[in-house]
Amino acid sequence: MRFLALTPNISISQLLGQSYESPQLIFKHSTRCIISSFALKRLHACADEESTCWVLDLLSHRQISNDLSDYFQVPHQSPQLFVVKDGTLLGSTSHEGIDCEFIAACYEK
């Protein structure tokens, strides 16, 4: 899995467009939260080579988090993971639900 920082210069429409080429994961990360750090560590352990995981620093870019929640109609949580493929949200989860098994289950939909 390729990890990239999600910053204001990347739009939701760009992420959706890229999801037609490969799955796009969006990880809302609170850099001050140990649960979030553990969730990010679990993501790094996934052997998914085709996906891109966008890591959103919630402390620096809270508006992007709000925009994502509004767009996908999913209440904000932290940490939180969105799985997007072919322009569609396949699933979202938070906290201890963020793991490789969740991602694999989303891809099977």
Protein backbone atom coordinates (compact mmCIF):
# COMPACT_ATOMS: atom_id res chain seq x y z
CA MET A 1 0.00 0.00 0.00
CA ARG A 2 1.22 3.46 -0.86
CA PHE A 3 0.78 6.12 1.84
CA LEU A 4 0.38 9.79 0.93
CA ALA A 5 -0.56 12.90 2.90
CA LEU A 6 -4.03 14.26 2.20
CA THR A 7 -3.74 18.03 2.03
CA PRO A 8 -5.97 20.84 0.72
CA ASN A 9 -4.40 20.61 -2.75
CA ILE A 10 -6.09 17.19 -3.27
CA SER A 11 -9.83 17.36 -3.92
CA ILE A 12 -12.48 14.77 -3.22
CA SER A 13 -13.20 14.63 -6.95
CA GLN A 14 -9.53 13.81 -7.62
CA LEU A 15 -9.66 10.95 -5.09
CA LEU A 16 -12.86 9.65 -6.64
CA GLY A 17 -11.29 9.80 -10.10
CA GLN A 18 -8.23 7.90 -8.93
CA SER A 19 -10.48 5.26 -7.38
CA TYR A 20 -11.34 4.04 -10.90
CA GLU A 21 -7.67 3.12 -11.38
CA SER A 22 -7.05 1.61 -7.92
CA PRO A 23 -8.78 1.55 -4.54
CA GLN A 24 -8.32 4.70 -2.48
CA LEU A 25 -8.31 4.60 1.30
CA ILE A 26 -8.71 7.74 3.37
CA PHE A 27 -7.48 7.55 6.94
CA LYS A 28 -8.48 10.34 9.31
CA HIS A 29 -5.59 10.45 11.76
CA SER A 30 -5.37 12.34 15.01
CA THR A 31 -1.64 12.63 15.62
CA ARG A 32 -2.19 13.08 19.36
CA CYS A 33 -4.28 9.92 19.79
CA ILE A 34 -2.69 6.57 20.66
CA ILE A 35 -5.68 4.64 19.25
CA SER A 36 -5.21 6.46 15.95
CA SER A 37 -1.48 5.67 15.97
CA PHE A 38 -2.23 1.97 16.52
CA ALA A 39 -4.78 2.02 13.69
CA LEU A 40 -2.21 3.57 11.34
CA LYS A 41 0.28 0.88 12.35
CA ARG A 42 -2.29 -1.81 11.49
CA LEU A 43 -2.77 -0.21 8.06
CA HIS A 44 0.98 -0.29 7.45
CA ALA A 45 0.87 -4.05 8.06
CA CYS A 46 -1.60 -4.64 5.22
CA ALA A 47 -0.13 -6.39 2.19
CA ASP A 48 -2.35 -4.54 -0.28
CA GLU A 49 -0.06 -3.35 -3.05
CA GLU A 50 -2.68 -1.85 -5.37
CA SER A 51 -4.25 0.70 -3.01
CA THR A 52 -3.31 4.21 -2.02
CA CYS A 53 -3.92 5.26 1.57
CA TRP A 54 -4.38 8.99 2.03
CA VAL A 55 -3.51 10.02 5.58
CA LEU A 56 -5.36 13.11 6.75
CA ASP A 57 -3.83 14.94 9.72
CA LEU A 58 -6.97 16.02 11.55
CA LEU A 59 -5.18 18.59 13.65
CA SER A 60 -3.91 20.43 10.59
CA HIS A 61 -6.80 19.89 8.16
CA ARG A 62 -10.07 19.52 10.05
CA GLN A 63 -12.07 21.16 7.24
CA ILE A 64 -11.11 18.33 4.86
CA SER A 65 -12.43 15.88 7.44
CA ASN A 66 -15.71 17.80 7.62
CA ASP A 67 -15.95 17.88 3.82
CA LEU A 68 -15.40 14.10 3.62
CA SER A 69 -18.05 13.42 6.25
CA ASP A 70 -20.50 15.67 4.42
CA TYR A 71 -19.73 14.17 1.01
CA PHE A 72 -20.00 10.53 2.10
CA GLN A 73 -22.82 11.25 4.60
CA VAL A 74 -20.89 9.47 7.37
CA PRO A 75 -20.58 11.07 10.82
CA HIS A 76 -17.06 12.15 11.76
CA GLN A 77 -15.02 9.86 13.96
CA SER A 78 -11.36 9.72 14.81
CA PRO A 79 -9.61 7.62 13.79
CA GLN A 80 -11.71 6.75 10.77
CA LEU A 81 -11.15 4.91 7.50
CA PHE A 82 -13.02 5.26 4.21
CA VAL A 83 -12.56 2.70 1.41
CA VAL A 84 -13.42 4.03 -2.06
CA LYS A 85 -13.38 2.15 -5.36
CA ASP A 86 -14.86 3.06 -8.75
CA GLY A 87 -16.16 6.33 -7.33
CA THR A 88 -18.17 4.57 -4.61
CA LEU A 89 -17.70 4.39 -0.86
CA LEU A 90 -17.44 0.66 -0.17
CA GLY A 91 -17.31 1.09 3.58
CA SER A 92 -16.14 3.08 6.54
CA THR A 93 -15.05 2.12 10.02
CA SER A 94 -13.33 3.60 13.00
CA HIS A 95 -11.13 2.82 15.97
CA GLU A 96 -10.37 -0.90 16.40
CA GLY A 97 -12.35 -1.74 13.25
CA ILE A 98 -9.54 -0.31 11.13
CA ASP A 99 -7.59 -3.35 9.95
CA CYS A 100 -6.65 -5.41 6.91
CA GLU A 101 -9.68 -7.68 7.29
CA PHE A 102 -12.06 -4.72 7.03
CA ILE A 103 -10.36 -3.55 3.84
CA ALA A 104 -10.50 -7.05 2.33
CA ALA A 105 -14.21 -7.33 3.19
CA CYS A 106 -14.88 -4.01 1.45
CA TYR A 107 -13.14 -5.21 -1.71
CA GLU A 108 -15.36 -8.31 -1.79
CA LYS A 109 -18.52 -6.16 -2.08
